[in-house]
Amino acid sequence: MTQDKEVKEGKIFAVVSYWLFLCILPLILKKDNKFAVFHGKQGLVLFIFLVAGFIFNIIPFLGQLVYRFALFIYLLLSLWGTIQALMGNYSRIPLVSSIADKIIL
């Protein structure tokens, strides 16, 4: 019962955590909610991945390909994470979740 309440209270913050820099909101405003923080950490890792891809964009041809690939992966995983958060699931994104687990707040 406690977990259902936690998911219900943190659902909006969990959904927002996959939208670019808004991943900071659940990590700051809902740090006592495990559901929101779980998705916030994954959103943060995805955002850092996108920024790294953007940095590669300065390389003339190869950089643009890397950035487009990073953007595609980011959009795909963010959509998946958003849907899972809306459904109230603690869904672990492969590779991303293992990095997110190492983040200490």
Protein backbone atom coordinates (compact mmCIF):
# COMPACT_ATOMS: atom_id res chain seq x y z
CA MET A 1 0.00 0.00 0.00
CA THR A 2 2.85 2.40 0.80
CA GLN A 3 4.46 1.72 -2.56
CA ASP A 4 1.22 2.53 -4.42
CA LYS A 5 1.02 5.86 -2.60
CA GLU A 6 4.65 6.58 -3.39
CA VAL A 7 4.13 5.84 -7.09
CA LYS A 8 0.99 7.97 -7.19
CA GLU A 9 2.71 10.95 -5.54
CA GLY A 10 5.85 10.73 -7.66
CA LYS A 11 4.35 9.85 -11.03
CA ILE A 12 4.34 13.39 -12.50
CA PHE A 13 7.93 13.97 -11.41
CA ALA A 14 8.95 10.59 -12.80
CA VAL A 15 7.40 11.39 -16.17
CA VAL A 16 9.00 14.85 -16.32
CA SER A 17 12.40 13.39 -15.48
CA TYR A 18 12.85 12.12 -19.03
CA TRP A 19 12.39 15.56 -20.62
CA LEU A 20 15.88 17.02 -21.11
CA PHE A 21 17.14 19.08 -18.14
CA LEU A 22 13.91 18.63 -16.16
CA CYS A 23 15.47 15.44 -14.76
CA ILE A 24 16.79 17.69 -11.99
CA LEU A 25 13.28 18.39 -10.62
CA PRO A 26 12.59 14.99 -9.02
CA LEU A 27 16.14 14.83 -7.70
CA ILE A 28 15.67 18.14 -5.88
CA LEU A 29 11.96 18.42 -5.12
CA LYS A 30 11.04 14.77 -4.47
CA LYS A 31 14.25 13.30 -3.05
CA ASP A 32 12.25 11.35 -0.44
CA ASN A 33 10.17 9.61 -3.14
CA LYS A 34 11.96 6.47 -4.38
CA PHE A 35 9.89 6.21 -7.55
CA ALA A 36 10.58 9.77 -8.68
CA VAL A 37 14.28 9.56 -7.78
CA PHE A 38 14.65 6.22 -9.61
CA HIS A 39 13.35 7.74 -12.84
CA GLY A 40 15.13 11.04 -12.21
CA LYS A 41 18.51 9.32 -12.06
CA GLN A 42 17.84 7.46 -15.30
CA GLY A 43 16.71 10.71 -16.94
CA LEU A 44 19.90 12.41 -15.77
CA VAL A 45 22.07 9.70 -17.33
CA LEU A 46 20.15 9.99 -20.60
CA PHE A 47 20.53 13.78 -20.58
CA ILE A 48 24.29 13.50 -20.02
CA PHE A 49 24.44 11.03 -22.92
CA LEU A 50 22.63 13.56 -25.13
CA VAL A 51 24.98 16.38 -24.10
CA ALA A 52 27.99 14.17 -24.88
CA GLY A 53 26.53 13.49 -28.32
CA PHE A 54 26.00 17.21 -28.82
CA ILE A 55 29.64 17.90 -27.99
CA PHE A 56 30.66 15.45 -30.73
CA ASN A 57 28.64 17.60 -33.13
CA ILE A 58 31.61 19.98 -33.54
CA ILE A 59 33.47 17.32 -35.54
CA PRO A 60 32.49 18.02 -39.18
CA PHE A 61 30.93 14.87 -40.67
CA LEU A 62 31.41 12.08 -38.16
CA GLY A 63 30.27 14.28 -35.30
CA GLN A 64 26.94 14.96 -36.93
CA LEU A 65 26.33 11.25 -37.37
CA VAL A 66 27.24 10.57 -33.75
CA TYR A 67 24.94 13.36 -32.58
CA ARG A 68 22.01 12.15 -34.69
CA PHE A 69 22.50 8.62 -33.39
CA ALA A 70 22.67 9.90 -29.80
CA LEU A 71 19.54 11.99 -30.35
CA PHE A 72 17.66 9.01 -31.80
CA ILE A 73 18.67 6.75 -28.89
CA TYR A 74 17.81 9.49 -26.38
CA LEU A 75 14.34 10.04 -27.87
CA LEU A 76 13.65 6.32 -28.04
CA LEU A 77 14.71 5.61 -24.45
CA SER A 78 13.04 8.76 -23.10
CA LEU A 79 9.76 7.78 -24.70
CA TRP A 80 10.07 4.28 -23.25
CA GLY A 81 10.94 5.65 -19.80
CA THR A 82 8.07 8.13 -19.92
CA ILE A 83 5.58 5.41 -20.78
CA GLN A 84 6.90 3.16 -18.02
CA ALA A 85 6.68 6.02 -15.50
CA LEU A 86 3.10 6.75 -16.57
CA MET A 87 2.24 3.09 -16.00
CA GLY A 88 3.84 3.24 -12.54
CA ASN A 89 6.62 0.73 -13.28
CA TYR A 90 10.16 0.64 -11.94
CA SER A 91 11.50 -0.23 -15.39
CA ARG A 92 15.27 -0.47 -15.68
CA ILE A 93 16.74 0.83 -18.95
CA PRO A 94 19.65 -1.43 -19.96
CA LEU A 95 23.09 0.15 -19.35
CA VAL A 96 21.49 3.40 -18.22
CA SER A 97 20.15 1.93 -14.99
CA SER A 98 23.51 0.44 -14.02
CA ILE A 99 25.10 3.89 -14.31
CA ALA A 100 22.14 5.55 -12.58
CA ASP A 101 22.46 3.17 -9.62
CA LYS A 102 25.92 4.58 -8.93
CA ILE A 103 24.63 8.14 -8.53
CA ILE A 104 24.55 9.12 -4.87
CA LEU A 105 22.45 12.10 -3.81
